[in-house]
Structures are given as C-alpha cells and as structure tokens.
C-alpha atoms as a PDB file:
ATOM      1  CA  MET A   1     204.665  -8.662 116.758  1.00  0.00           C
ATOM      2  CA  VAL A   2     203.440  -6.872 119.891  1.00  0.00           C
ATOM      3  CA  GLU A   3     201.672  -4.299 117.796  1.00  0.00           C
ATOM      4  CA  MET A   4     199.937  -7.041 115.852  1.00  0.00           C
ATOM      5  CA  VAL A   5     198.698  -8.691 118.993  1.00  0.00           C
ATOM      6  CA  ARG A   6     197.395  -5.397 120.313  1.00  0.00           C
ATOM      7  CA  GLY A   7     195.664  -4.810 116.991  1.00  0.00           C
ATOM      8  CA  LEU A   8     193.970  -8.236 117.177  1.00  0.00           C
ATOM      9  CA  LEU A   9     192.852  -7.604 120.743  1.00  0.00           C
ATOM     10  CA  SER A  10     191.410  -4.197 119.790  1.00  0.00           C
ATOM     11  CA  MET A  11     189.568  -5.756 116.837  1.00  0.00           C
ATOM     12  CA  LYS A  12     188.173  -8.509 119.118  1.00  0.00           C
ATOM     13  CA  LYS A  13     186.907  -5.870 121.601  1.00  0.00           C
ATOM     14  CA  PHE A  14     185.349  -3.944 118.745  1.00  0.00           C
ATOM     15  CA  ILE A  15     183.563  -7.053 117.448  1.00  0.00           C
ATOM     16  CA  ILE A  16     182.270  -7.899 120.905  1.00  0.00           C
ATOM     17  CA  PHE A  17     181.037  -4.294 121.353  1.00  0.00           C
ATOM     18  CA  ILE A  18     179.202  -4.323 118.032  1.00  0.00           C
ATOM     19  CA  SER A  19     177.631  -7.715 118.817  1.00  0.00           C
ATOM     20  CA  LEU A  20     176.325  -6.468 122.188  1.00  0.00           C
ATOM     21  CA  PHE A  21     175.086  -3.275 120.588  1.00  0.00           C
ATOM     22  CA  LEU A  22     173.150  -5.122 117.913  1.00  0.00           C
ATOM     23  CA  SER A  23     171.734  -7.587 120.442  1.00  0.00           C
ATOM     24  CA  LEU A  24     170.568  -4.743 122.641  1.00  0.00           C
ATOM     25  CA  GLY A  25     168.917  -3.070 119.641  1.00  0.00           C
ATOM     26  CA  ILE A  26     167.100  -6.296 118.693  1.00  0.00           C
ATOM     27  CA  ILE A  27     165.886  -6.785 122.250  1.00  0.00           C
ATOM     28  CA  MET A  28     164.650  -3.192 122.445  1.00  0.00           C
ATOM     29  CA  ALA A  29     162.953  -3.438 119.047  1.00  0.00           C
ATOM     30  CA  PHE A  30     161.227  -6.685 120.056  1.00  0.00           C
ATOM     31  CA  SER A  31     160.118  -5.273 123.370  1.00  0.00           C
ATOM     32  CA  GLN A  32     158.613  -2.303 121.638  1.00  0.00           C
ATOM     33  CA  GLN A  33     156.792  -4.432 119.107  1.00  0.00           C
ATOM     34  CA  ALA A  34     155.428  -6.713 121.768  1.00  0.00           C
ATOM     35  CA  ASP A  35     154.231  -3.820 124.062  1.00  0.00           C
ATOM     36  CA  LEU A  36     150.685  -3.535 122.754  1.00  0.00           C
ATOM     37  CA  ILE A  37     148.168  -6.350 122.827  1.00  0.00           C
ATOM     38  CA  PHE A  38     145.767  -6.098 119.893  1.00  0.00           C
ATOM     39  CA  SER A  39     144.415  -8.541 117.319  1.00  0.00           C
ATOM     40  CA  HIS A  40     143.034  -7.188 114.033  1.00  0.00           C
ATOM     41  CA  LYS A  41     141.950 -10.781 113.264  1.00  0.00           C
ATOM     42  CA  TYR A  42     139.812 -11.020 116.420  1.00  0.00           C
ATOM     43  CA  HIS A  43     138.218  -7.654 115.958  1.00  0.00           C
ATOM     44  CA  ALA A  44     137.479  -8.313 112.262  1.00  0.00           C
ATOM     45  CA  GLU A  45     136.188 -11.902 112.513  1.00  0.00           C
ATOM     46  CA  GLU A  46     134.761 -12.250 116.018  1.00  0.00           C
ATOM     47  CA  VAL A  47     133.681  -8.689 116.864  1.00  0.00           C
ATOM     48  CA  GLU A  48     132.976  -7.873 113.141  1.00  0.00           C
ATOM     49  CA  ALA A  49     134.218  -4.362 113.716  1.00  0.00           C
ATOM     50  CA  THR A  50     134.683  -2.229 110.589  1.00  0.00           C
ATOM     51  CA  CYS A  51     137.887  -0.382 109.742  1.00  0.00           C
ATOM     52  CA  SER A  52     136.250   3.006 110.228  1.00  0.00           C
ATOM     53  CA  ALA A  53     135.016   1.992 113.704  1.00  0.00           C
ATOM     54  CA  CYS A  54     138.582   2.481 114.965  1.00  0.00           C
ATOM     55  CA  HIS A  55     140.131   4.556 112.188  1.00  0.00           C
ATOM     56  CA  LYS A  56     137.349   7.105 112.297  1.00  0.00           C
ATOM     57  CA  THR A  57     138.711   9.803 109.937  1.00  0.00           C
ATOM     58  CA  VAL A  58     140.135   7.484 107.289  1.00  0.00           C
ATOM     59  CA  PHE A  59     137.512   8.251 104.653  1.00  0.00           C
ATOM     60  CA  GLU A  60     138.045  11.994 105.066  1.00  0.00           C
ATOM     61  CA  SER A  61     141.816  11.973 105.074  1.00  0.00           C
ATOM     62  CA  GLU A  62     143.466  13.827 102.238  1.00  0.00           C
ATOM     63  CA  THR A  63     147.163  13.560 103.190  1.00  0.00           C
ATOM     64  CA  THR A  64     149.581  11.043 104.695  1.00  0.00           C
ATOM     65  CA  ARG A  65     150.328  13.616 107.427  1.00  0.00           C
ATOM     66  CA  ASP A  66     146.970  12.817 109.018  1.00  0.00           C
ATOM     67  CA  ASN A  67     147.115  10.668 112.076  1.00  0.00           C
ATOM     68  CA  LEU A  68     144.687   7.833 111.357  1.00  0.00           C
ATOM     69  CA  LEU A  69     145.607   5.648 114.372  1.00  0.00           C
ATOM     70  CA  PRO A  70     142.848   5.269 116.930  1.00  0.00           C
ATOM     71  CA  ALA A  71     143.191   7.152 120.177  1.00  0.00           C
ATOM     72  CA  MET A  72     142.556   5.480 123.571  1.00  0.00           C
ATOM     73  CA  GLU A  73     139.182   7.183 123.724  1.00  0.00           C
ATOM     74  CA  THR A  74     138.179   5.322 120.546  1.00  0.00           C
ATOM     75  CA  CYS A  75     138.680   2.035 122.374  1.00  0.00           C
ATOM     76  CA  TYR A  76     136.232   3.147 125.053  1.00  0.00           C
ATOM     77  CA  ASP A  77     133.505   3.289 122.425  1.00  0.00           C
ATOM     78  CA  CYS A  78     133.250  -0.513 122.945  1.00  0.00           C
ATOM     79  CA  HIS A  79     135.311  -1.188 126.098  1.00  0.00           C
ATOM     80  CA  ASP A  80     134.186   0.142 129.459  1.00  0.00           C
ATOM     81  CA  GLU A  81     136.793   2.663 130.647  1.00  0.00           C
ATOM     82  CA  GLU A  82     136.421   1.912 134.356  1.00  0.00           C
ATOM     83  CA  GLU A  83     136.268  -1.870 134.104  1.00  0.00           C
ATOM     84  CA  THR A  84     138.994  -2.362 131.484  1.00  0.00           C
ATOM     85  CA  GLU A  85     142.414  -2.656 133.121  1.00  0.00           C
ATOM     86  CA  CYS A  86     145.480  -1.189 131.502  1.00  0.00           C
ATOM     87  CA  GLY A  87     147.041  -4.644 131.235  1.00  0.00           C
ATOM     88  CA  PHE A  88     144.248  -5.691 128.907  1.00  0.00           C
ATOM     89  CA  CYS A  89     145.989  -3.774 126.121  1.00  0.00           C
ATOM     90  CA  HIS A  90     149.498  -3.022 127.406  1.00  0.00           C
ATOM     91  CA  VAL A  91     152.137  -5.650 128.222  1.00  0.00           C
ATOM     92  CA  ASN A  92     153.809  -3.218 130.578  1.00  0.00           C
ATOM     93  CA  PRO A  93     151.139  -0.732 131.867  1.00  0.00           C
ATOM     94  CA  ASP A  94     153.668   1.181 133.993  1.00  0.00           C
ATOM     95  CA  GLU A  95     155.697   2.091 130.890  1.00  0.00           C
ATOM     96  CA  ALA A  96     152.869   2.201 128.362  1.00  0.00           C
ATOM     97  CA  ARG A  97     153.654   3.987 125.122  1.00  0.00           C
ATOM     98  CA  GLU A  98     151.751   5.043 122.049  1.00  0.00           C
ATOM     99  CA  VAL A  99     151.961   3.000 118.897  1.00  0.00           C
ATOM    100  CA  THR A 100     154.868   4.066 116.699  1.00  0.00           C
ATOM    101  CA  ARG A 101     153.522   6.148 113.850  1.00  0.00           C
ATOM    102  CA  ILE A 102     155.216   6.621 110.452  1.00  0.00           C
ATOM    103  CA  VAL A 103     155.925  10.322 110.143  1.00  0.00           C
ATOM    104  CA  ASP A 104     158.437  10.419 107.283  1.00  0.00           C
ATOM    105  CA  LEU A 105     156.168   9.052 104.544  1.00  0.00           C
ATOM    106  CA  LYS A 106     156.302  11.613 101.718  1.00  0.00           C
ATOM    107  CA  ALA A 107     153.808  10.118  99.262  1.00  0.00           C
ATOM    108  CA  LYS A 108     150.755  12.258  98.614  1.00  0.00           C
ATOM    109  CA  PHE A 109     148.089   9.683  99.352  1.00  0.00           C
ATOM    110  CA  PRO A 110     144.470  10.760  99.946  1.00  0.00           C
ATOM    111  CA  HIS A 111     142.472   7.966 101.526  1.00  0.00           C
ATOM    112  CA  LYS A 112     139.415  10.019 100.774  1.00  0.00           C
ATOM    113  CA  VAL A 113     139.929   9.509  97.016  1.00  0.00           C
ATOM    114  CA  HIS A 114     140.960   5.850  97.183  1.00  0.00           C
ATOM    115  CA  ALA A 115     138.529   4.321  99.594  1.00  0.00           C
ATOM    116  CA  GLU A 116     134.800   4.666  99.962  1.00  0.00           C
ATOM    117  CA  SER A 117     133.941   1.318 101.662  1.00  0.00           C
ATOM    118  CA  GLU A 118     135.449  -1.082 104.162  1.00  0.00           C
ATOM    119  CA  GLU A 119     136.160  -3.679 101.488  1.00  0.00           C
ATOM    120  CA  GLU A 120     138.470  -1.323  99.626  1.00  0.00           C
ATOM    121  CA  CYS A 121     140.767  -1.078 102.626  1.00  0.00           C
ATOM    122  CA  ILE A 122     141.847  -4.661 102.159  1.00  0.00           C
ATOM    123  CA  THR A 123     142.732  -4.007  98.525  1.00  0.00           C
ATOM    124  CA  CYS A 124     145.812  -2.065  99.680  1.00  0.00           C
ATOM    125  CA  HIS A 125     146.304  -3.340 103.211  1.00  0.00           C
ATOM    126  CA  GLU A 126     146.505  -7.046 102.358  1.00  0.00           C
ATOM    127  CA  GLY A 127     146.617  -9.420 105.330  1.00  0.00           C
ATOM    128  CA  ILE A 128     145.644  -6.879 107.961  1.00  0.00           C
ATOM    129  CA  THR A 129     142.504  -8.805 108.886  1.00  0.00           C
ATOM    130  CA  GLN A 130     144.637 -11.828 109.811  1.00  0.00           C
ATOM    131  CA  ASP A 131     147.208  -9.835 111.821  1.00  0.00           C
ATOM    132  CA  GLU A 132     147.370 -10.532 115.586  1.00  0.00           C
ATOM    133  CA  THR A 133     150.436  -8.551 116.573  1.00  0.00           C
ATOM    134  CA  PRO A 134     150.460  -4.785 116.032  1.00  0.00           C
ATOM    135  CA  GLU A 135     153.584  -3.169 114.631  1.00  0.00           C
ATOM    136  CA  LYS A 136     155.177  -6.475 113.721  1.00  0.00           C
ATOM    137  CA  GLU A 137     153.844  -6.033 110.208  1.00  0.00           C
ATOM    138  CA  LEU A 138     152.513  -2.684 109.053  1.00  0.00           C
ATOM    139  CA  HIS A 139     150.730  -4.069 105.976  1.00  0.00           C
ATOM    140  CA  LEU A 140     151.466  -0.916 104.001  1.00  0.00           C
ATOM    141  CA  PRO A 141     151.126  -1.236 100.200  1.00  0.00           C
ATOM    142  CA  GLY A 142     154.317  -1.231  98.182  1.00  0.00           C
ATOM    143  CA  ARG A 143     154.781   0.401  94.793  1.00  0.00           C
ATOM    144  CA  GLU A 144     153.855  -2.878  93.007  1.00  0.00           C
ATOM    145  CA  LYS A 145     150.431  -2.710  94.700  1.00  0.00           C
ATOM    146  CA  CYS A 146     149.963   0.870  93.414  1.00  0.00           C
ATOM    147  CA  THR A 147     150.722  -0.124  89.807  1.00  0.00           C
ATOM    148  CA  GLU A 148     147.940  -2.732  89.885  1.00  0.00           C
ATOM    149  CA  CYS A 149     145.555   0.211  89.385  1.00  0.00           C
ATOM    150  CA  HIS A 150     147.884   3.017  88.309  1.00  0.00           C
ATOM    151  CA  GLY A 151     150.000   2.373  85.258  1.00  0.00           C
ATOM    152  CA  ALA A 152     153.653   2.920  85.895  1.00  0.00           C
ATOM    153  CA  ALA A 153     155.092   6.178  84.616  1.00  0.00           C
ATOM    154  CA  ASP A 154     158.412   6.397  82.766  1.00  0.00           C
ATOM    155  CA  PHE A 155     160.496   8.553  85.096  1.00  0.00           C
ATOM    156  CA  VAL A 156     162.613   9.854  82.188  1.00  0.00           C
ATOM    157  CA  GLU A 157     159.685  11.012  80.047  1.00  0.00           C
ATOM    158  CA  GLU A 158     156.863  11.492  82.504  1.00  0.00           C
ATOM    159  CA  LYS A 159     158.307  12.733  85.750  1.00  0.00           C
ATOM    160  CA  GLU A 160     155.294  14.955  86.308  1.00  0.00           C
ATOM    161  CA  ARG A 161     153.171  11.803  86.751  1.00  0.00           C
ATOM    162  CA  CYS A 162     155.510  10.669  89.511  1.00  0.00           C
ATOM    163  CA  LEU A 163     154.962  14.011  91.279  1.00  0.00           C
ATOM    164  CA  GLN A 164     151.260  13.255  91.542  1.00  0.00           C
ATOM    165  CA  CYS A 165     152.163  11.015  94.497  1.00  0.00           C
ATOM    166  CA  HIS A 166     155.688  12.016  95.469  1.00  0.00           C
ATOM    167  CA  GLU A 167     157.054  15.294  96.717  1.00  0.00           C
ATOM    168  CA  SER A 168     159.394  17.200  94.404  1.00  0.00           C
ATOM    169  CA  ASP A 169     162.318  16.627  96.808  1.00  0.00           C
ATOM    170  CA  PHE A 170     161.829  12.875  96.801  1.00  0.00           C
ATOM    171  CA  LYS A 171     164.929  10.905  95.873  1.00  0.00           C
ATOM    172  CA  PHE A 172     163.647   8.972  92.865  1.00  0.00           C
ATOM    173  CA  ILE A 173     166.860   7.189  91.886  1.00  0.00           C
ATOM    174  CA  PRO A 174     167.015   3.870  93.814  1.00  0.00           C
ATOM    175  CA  SER A 175     170.029   3.198  96.039  1.00  0.00           C
ATOM    176  CA  ASP A 176     171.137   0.242  93.915  1.00  0.00           C
ATOM    177  CA  HIS A 177     171.610   2.449  90.836  1.00  0.00           C
ATOM    178  CA  THR A 178     175.349   2.848  91.441  1.00  0.00           C
ATOM    179  CA  LYS A 179     178.232   3.358  88.992  1.00  0.00           C
ATOM    180  CA  ILE A 180     178.224  -0.295  87.962  1.00  0.00           C
ATOM    181  CA  TRP A 181     174.432  -0.374  87.489  1.00  0.00           C
ATOM    182  CA  GLN A 182     174.628  -0.036  83.723  1.00  0.00           C
ATOM    183  CA  LYS A 183     176.785  -3.232  83.596  1.00  0.00           C
ATOM    184  CA  ASN A 184     174.785  -5.292  86.026  1.00  0.00           C
ATOM    185  CA  HIS A 185     171.204  -4.163  85.525  1.00  0.00           C
ATOM    186  CA  GLY A 186     170.430  -6.784  82.870  1.00  0.00           C
ATOM    187  CA  LEU A 187     170.931  -9.690  85.242  1.00  0.00           C
ATOM    188  CA  LEU A 188     168.968  -8.004  88.017  1.00  0.00           C
ATOM    189  CA  SER A 189     166.085  -7.274  85.684  1.00  0.00           C
ATOM    190  CA  GLN A 190     165.890 -10.964  84.789  1.00  0.00           C
ATOM    191  CA  ILE A 191     165.712 -11.896  88.477  1.00  0.00           C
ATOM    192  CA  ASN A 192     162.783  -9.527  89.009  1.00  0.00           C
ATOM    193  CA  GLU A 193     161.297  -8.408  85.718  1.00  0.00           C
ATOM    194  CA  ASN A 194     158.756  -6.157  87.484  1.00  0.00           C
ATOM    195  CA  ALA A 195     161.382  -4.157  89.347  1.00  0.00           C
ATOM    196  CA  CYS A 196     162.116  -1.904  86.375  1.00  0.00           C
ATOM    197  CA  SER A 197     158.587  -1.487  85.067  1.00  0.00           C
ATOM    198  CA  HIS A 198     157.558   0.713  88.006  1.00  0.00           C
ATOM    199  CA  CYS A 199     159.683   3.586  86.670  1.00  0.00           C
ATOM    200  CA  HIS A 200     160.474   2.582  83.095  1.00  0.00           C
ATOM    201  CA  GLN A 201     158.358   1.496  80.174  1.00  0.00           C
ATOM    202  CA  ASN A 202     159.671  -1.069  77.674  1.00  0.00           C
ATOM    203  CA  ASN A 203     160.483   1.644  75.141  1.00  0.00           C
ATOM    204  CA  TYR A 204     163.041   2.982  77.562  1.00  0.00           C
ATOM    205  CA  CYS A 205     165.056  -0.219  77.210  1.00  0.00           C
ATOM    206  CA  VAL A 206     164.852  -0.019  73.383  1.00  0.00           C
ATOM    207  CA  MET A 207     166.657   3.297  73.417  1.00  0.00           C
ATOM    208  CA  CYS A 208     169.869   1.372  74.159  1.00  0.00           C
ATOM    209  CA  HIS A 209     169.011  -2.150  73.240  1.00  0.00           C
ATOM    210  CA  GLU A 210     168.247  -1.745  69.566  1.00  0.00           C
ATOM    211  CA  GLY A 211     170.030  -1.928  66.228  1.00  0.00           C
ATOM    212  CA  ASP A 212     173.632  -0.659  66.146  1.00  0.00           C
ATOM    213  CA  ASN A 213     173.385   0.265  69.843  1.00  0.00           C
ATOM    214  CA  LEU A 214     173.717  -3.450  70.701  1.00  0.00           C
ATOM    215  CA  ASP A 215     177.350  -3.593  69.632  1.00  0.00           C
ATOM    216  CA  ARG A 216     179.409  -4.370  72.757  1.00  0.00           C
ATOM    217  CA  LEU A 217     176.642  -3.135  75.014  1.00  0.00           C
ATOM    218  CA  ALA A 218     173.891  -5.750  75.148  1.00  0.00           C
ATOM    219  CA  HIS A 219     175.820  -8.381  73.063  1.00  0.00           C
ATOM    220  CA  PRO A 220     179.520  -9.158  73.049  1.00  0.00           C
ATOM    221  CA  LEU A 221     181.770  -9.130  70.000  1.00  0.00           C
ATOM    222  CA  ASN A 222     181.255 -11.833  67.387  1.00  0.00           C
ATOM    223  CA  TYR A 223     177.678 -12.362  68.719  1.00  0.00           C
ATOM    224  CA  ARG A 224     176.417 -12.291  65.157  1.00  0.00           C
ATOM    225  CA  ASN A 225     178.179 -15.615  64.542  1.00  0.00           C
ATOM    226  CA  SER A 226     177.714 -17.204  67.931  1.00  0.00           C
ATOM    227  CA  HIS A 227     174.191 -16.164  68.958  1.00  0.00           C
ATOM    228  CA  GLY A 228     172.624 -19.300  67.397  1.00  0.00           C
ATOM    229  CA  ILE A 229     174.227 -21.531  70.024  1.00  0.00           C
ATOM    230  CA  GLN A 230     173.004 -19.334  72.862  1.00  0.00           C
ATOM    231  CA  ALA A 231     169.535 -19.075  71.315  1.00  0.00           C
ATOM    232  CA  LYS A 232     169.189 -22.859  71.324  1.00  0.00           C
ATOM    233  CA  GLY A 233     170.396 -23.055  74.932  1.00  0.00           C
ATOM    234  CA  ASN A 234     168.224 -20.281  76.287  1.00  0.00           C
ATOM    235  CA  LYS A 235     165.550 -19.184  73.896  1.00  0.00           C
ATOM    236  CA  ASP A 236     163.585 -17.418  76.642  1.00  0.00           C
ATOM    237  CA  ASN A 237     166.500 -15.000  77.168  1.00  0.00           C
ATOM    238  CA  CYS A 238     166.224 -13.926  73.517  1.00  0.00           C
ATOM    239  CA  LEU A 239     162.487 -13.503  73.780  1.00  0.00           C
ATOM    240  CA  SER A 240     162.854 -10.972  76.603  1.00  0.00           C
ATOM    241  CA  CYS A 241     163.675  -8.421  73.938  1.00  0.00           C
ATOM    242  CA  HIS A 242     162.875 -10.094  70.586  1.00  0.00           C
ATOM    243  CA  GLN A 243     159.345 -11.081  71.383  1.00  0.00           C
ATOM    244  CA  GLU A 244     158.365 -12.491  67.985  1.00  0.00           C
ATOM    245  CA  HIS A 245     159.891 -15.358  66.098  1.00  0.00           C
ATOM    246  CA  ALA A 246     159.460 -13.250  62.990  1.00  0.00           C
ATOM    247  CA  PHE A 247     162.493 -11.203  64.086  1.00  0.00           C
ATOM    248  CA  CYS A 248     164.753 -14.195  63.533  1.00  0.00           C
ATOM    249  CA  ILE A 249     163.064 -15.179  60.219  1.00  0.00           C
ATOM    250  CA  GLU A 250     163.377 -11.730  58.743  1.00  0.00           C
ATOM    251  CA  CYS A 251     167.073 -11.403  59.496  1.00  0.00           C
ATOM    252  CA  HIS A 252     167.912 -14.953  58.342  1.00  0.00           C
ATOM    253  CA  GLN A 253     166.089 -14.489  55.043  1.00  0.00           C
ATOM    254  CA  ASN A 254     167.645 -11.099  54.305  1.00  0.00           C
ATOM    255  CA  GLU A 255     171.143 -12.335  55.094  1.00  0.00           C
ATOM    256  CA  MET A 256     170.565 -15.668  53.303  1.00  0.00           C
ATOM    257  CA  VAL A 257     171.317 -17.596  56.466  1.00  0.00           C
ATOM    258  CA  MET A 258     169.987 -21.165  56.004  1.00  0.00           C
ATOM    259  CA  PRO A 259     170.330 -24.519  57.729  1.00  0.00           C
ATOM    260  CA  ARG A 260     173.293 -26.506  56.513  1.00  0.00           C
ATOM    261  CA  ASN A 261     171.198 -29.190  54.835  1.00  0.00           C
ATOM    262  CA  HIS A 262     169.701 -26.566  52.507  1.00  0.00           C
ATOM    263  CA  SER A 263     173.026 -26.381  50.663  1.00  0.00           C
ATOM    264  CA  TYR A 264     173.154 -30.042  49.821  1.00  0.00           C
ATOM    265  CA  ALA A 265     173.110 -30.775  46.085  1.00  0.00           C
ATOM    266  CA  ASN A 266     170.126 -33.075  46.388  1.00  0.00           C
ATOM    267  CA  TRP A 267     168.135 -30.764  48.713  1.00  0.00           C
ATOM    268  CA  ALA A 268     165.519 -29.970  46.080  1.00  0.00           C
ATOM    269  CA  ASN A 269     164.673 -30.955  42.523  1.00  0.00           C
ATOM    270  CA  THR A 270     161.672 -30.878  40.161  1.00  0.00           C
ATOM    271  CA  ILE A 271     161.505 -34.668  39.767  1.00  0.00           C
ATOM    272  CA  ASP A 272     160.792 -36.140  43.176  1.00  0.00           C
ATOM    273  CA  GLY A 273     161.319 -33.098  45.331  1.00  0.00           C
ATOM    274  CA  GLY A 274     164.707 -34.308  46.593  1.00  0.00           C
ATOM    275  CA  ARG A 275     165.740 -34.534  50.233  1.00  0.00           C
ATOM    276  CA  HIS A 276     163.607 -31.636  51.357  1.00  0.00           C
ATOM    277  CA  ALA A 277     160.450 -33.523  50.436  1.00  0.00           C
ATOM    278  CA  ARG A 278     161.426 -36.481  52.674  1.00  0.00           C
ATOM    279  CA  GLU A 279     162.363 -34.088  55.499  1.00  0.00           C
ATOM    280  CA  ALA A 280     159.022 -32.336  55.207  1.00  0.00           C
ATOM    281  CA  LEU A 281     157.134 -35.636  55.402  1.00  0.00           C
ATOM    282  CA  TYR A 282     159.148 -36.614  58.426  1.00  0.00           C
ATOM    283  CA  ASP A 283     159.052 -33.287  60.334  1.00  0.00           C
ATOM    284  CA  PHE A 284     156.977 -30.618  58.649  1.00  0.00           C
ATOM    285  CA  ASP A 285     156.863 -28.500  61.866  1.00  0.00           C
ATOM    286  CA  THR A 286     160.551 -27.770  61.474  1.00  0.00           C
ATOM    287  CA  CYS A 287     159.919 -26.447  57.939  1.00  0.00           C
ATOM    288  CA  ALA A 288     156.946 -24.403  59.094  1.00  0.00           C
ATOM    289  CA  SER A 289     159.002 -22.721  61.826  1.00  0.00           C
ATOM    290  CA  CYS A 290     160.520 -20.571  59.039  1.00  0.00           C
ATOM    291  CA  HIS A 291     158.361 -21.182  55.977  1.00  0.00           C
ATOM    292  CA  SER A 292     154.820 -20.332  56.966  1.00  0.00           C
ATOM    293  CA  ASP A 293     152.185 -17.704  56.282  1.00  0.00           C
ATOM    294  CA  ALA A 294     152.779 -16.172  59.708  1.00  0.00           C
ATOM    295  CA  PHE A 295     156.408 -15.257  59.109  1.00  0.00           C
ATOM    296  CA  SER A 296     156.943 -15.187  55.334  1.00  0.00           C
ATOM    297  CA  ASP A 297     155.536 -15.927  51.916  1.00  0.00           C
ATOM    298  CA  ASN A 298     154.277 -19.475  51.480  1.00  0.00           C
ATOM    299  CA  ILE A 299     157.379 -20.771  49.806  1.00  0.00           C
ATOM    300  CA  CYS A 300     155.844 -24.182  49.199  1.00  0.00           C
ATOM    301  CA  SER A 301     153.287 -22.771  46.740  1.00  0.00           C
ATOM    302  CA  ARG A 302     155.989 -21.570  44.458  1.00  0.00           C
ATOM    303  CA  CYS A 303     156.494 -25.158  43.266  1.00  0.00           C
ATOM    304  CA  HIS A 304     153.456 -26.966  44.646  1.00  0.00           C
ATOM    305  CA  GLN A 305     150.659 -25.263  42.700  1.00  0.00           C
END
C-alpha cells in the first residue's frame, strides 16, 4: 500500500513537471514570435512596397540554402537609421534577435526559375500580404500547392521525378505509413482524397484493387452476394473505384443477374407486353438505367421494331 502511494505521488510530481515544462515552452515560443514588429499587410497596401524591395535577391536565388530574409540595412533604404528607434521594430530592443530562419529545408527550389514578377510570389505564398505578425505564420507552400502546377509523380514508378525537388537522402515514406497502414489506408484516403495523389497515381491503387486481388483485401467474404445492399446505401463509395455505371451493367448481364420482377411469369409477352410494359410507362428511367445505348444494346428494339 505504501509503495502504491509513493508511486502515485511520483506520478503526480512527474505530471506537474511536464505541465510546467510545456507551459514554459509555450511562453518562450510566444515571446519569440511576438519579438519583431512588422506588418506585411501595411507595407503591401499602404506603402505599396514590392516583395523584391525587401527580399532583394529572391529573383536570383537558385537554392533554398540562400538567405532571402532582409537584413537591417535593407530597412534603412526607407527608414532613417538615425531617427528610427530600435523599439520601432523590436518589442524588446535590449534583447533583440534575428528572425528565425528555416535552415533544414531540403527541397531543391530555385526562386529564379519559378518567379519573374511580384504577382507570382503570391501564387505560392498565399495570405502573406494580409499578414501582420511575422513568424506566426510562415506562409510557405505545401506539397498540394506544388501539384497545382506540377503533376504528382508516382513514387513507386517515377522516383527520379521526386528527386528533381528532393535530396536523395530525403525520407519519402510518410510517418503515418506504419505496419497497420495497409489495413487503414482506405478510410484515411476517403477522409482526404488528395493526400495519396501527391505520391501515387490512380493506377497504383488498381495494382491491388482489381479483379481477383479484391478477395479479402478490398472486399470481405461473400461480398459478391451482399454488395448490392451496400451499393444502395452508399453508391459514392463504389464510384471511388468503379467510376462508370457500365461496370455494374456488364457484370450483371454476364452473370444473368436481374431484378426479381424480371422472373415473373407475366413479365413480358408478345400480346400486350405484359407487366414490363406497364412498368416502363410508369418509370422508364429505371429501365434505362440498365437497358440503354450508353451501357448495352438497345434491348427494346429487339421486339419494338
């Protein structure tokens, strides 16, 4: 009992220590972020300063290792050095620091190739002209922004295309691709359908999700007999792989799978057409969903010349 109490007290102390440590880290991070006073919005809208007025070498930069942040001397191009007090830009002039610069970015990105005008800066750095607090948001483009212009490369088949931007020692496999990834990736891909397309083309999915490969992988046992119920409940889920209704029609026709009413004795006859004629008059769209020029031979013309 005594050992249990001691253990609980030690755990309580540990939790308190962690809480204080995290709080201190948050305070330090906030103090760093709030150290510099600078508004991109004011300089862009009121002063009408261009991006290159401060980031002077941006249009000549050929690597991410270049330091494109403006030096203090750049500020003096517009602000008088002798009349401008340190507190004009620094919250704490006595402990002024340089803006934190990202130094571990490994992507091979040449600004020189991508940007030739001020307008093109906003294409990648969205929202920067409305920013009023430096370092709070860096406004760096994510991979989705890159694929708006550059088609995503399939990592499995076209790794050399990935190396056009990334270093060869870059860890391409995302951290969430763990041992259970194969089991759970389907659900996650539905939550964010664009998450996979950055590294994989649609044909990569088909390598597993096609034909006999579906057995007990993409679909459970007995899915052949039960899939109709799920298709009615969530048709969009089927269309994520089977993108054309013709896929259903072809299989149903080949396997002679028909609606139950098609087996009725009075479904069709050559006298008055039978029940199918009345059904067609009442709801022809249902007939056309399977029997139409788009998906099969015009079955109506066989009898209705």
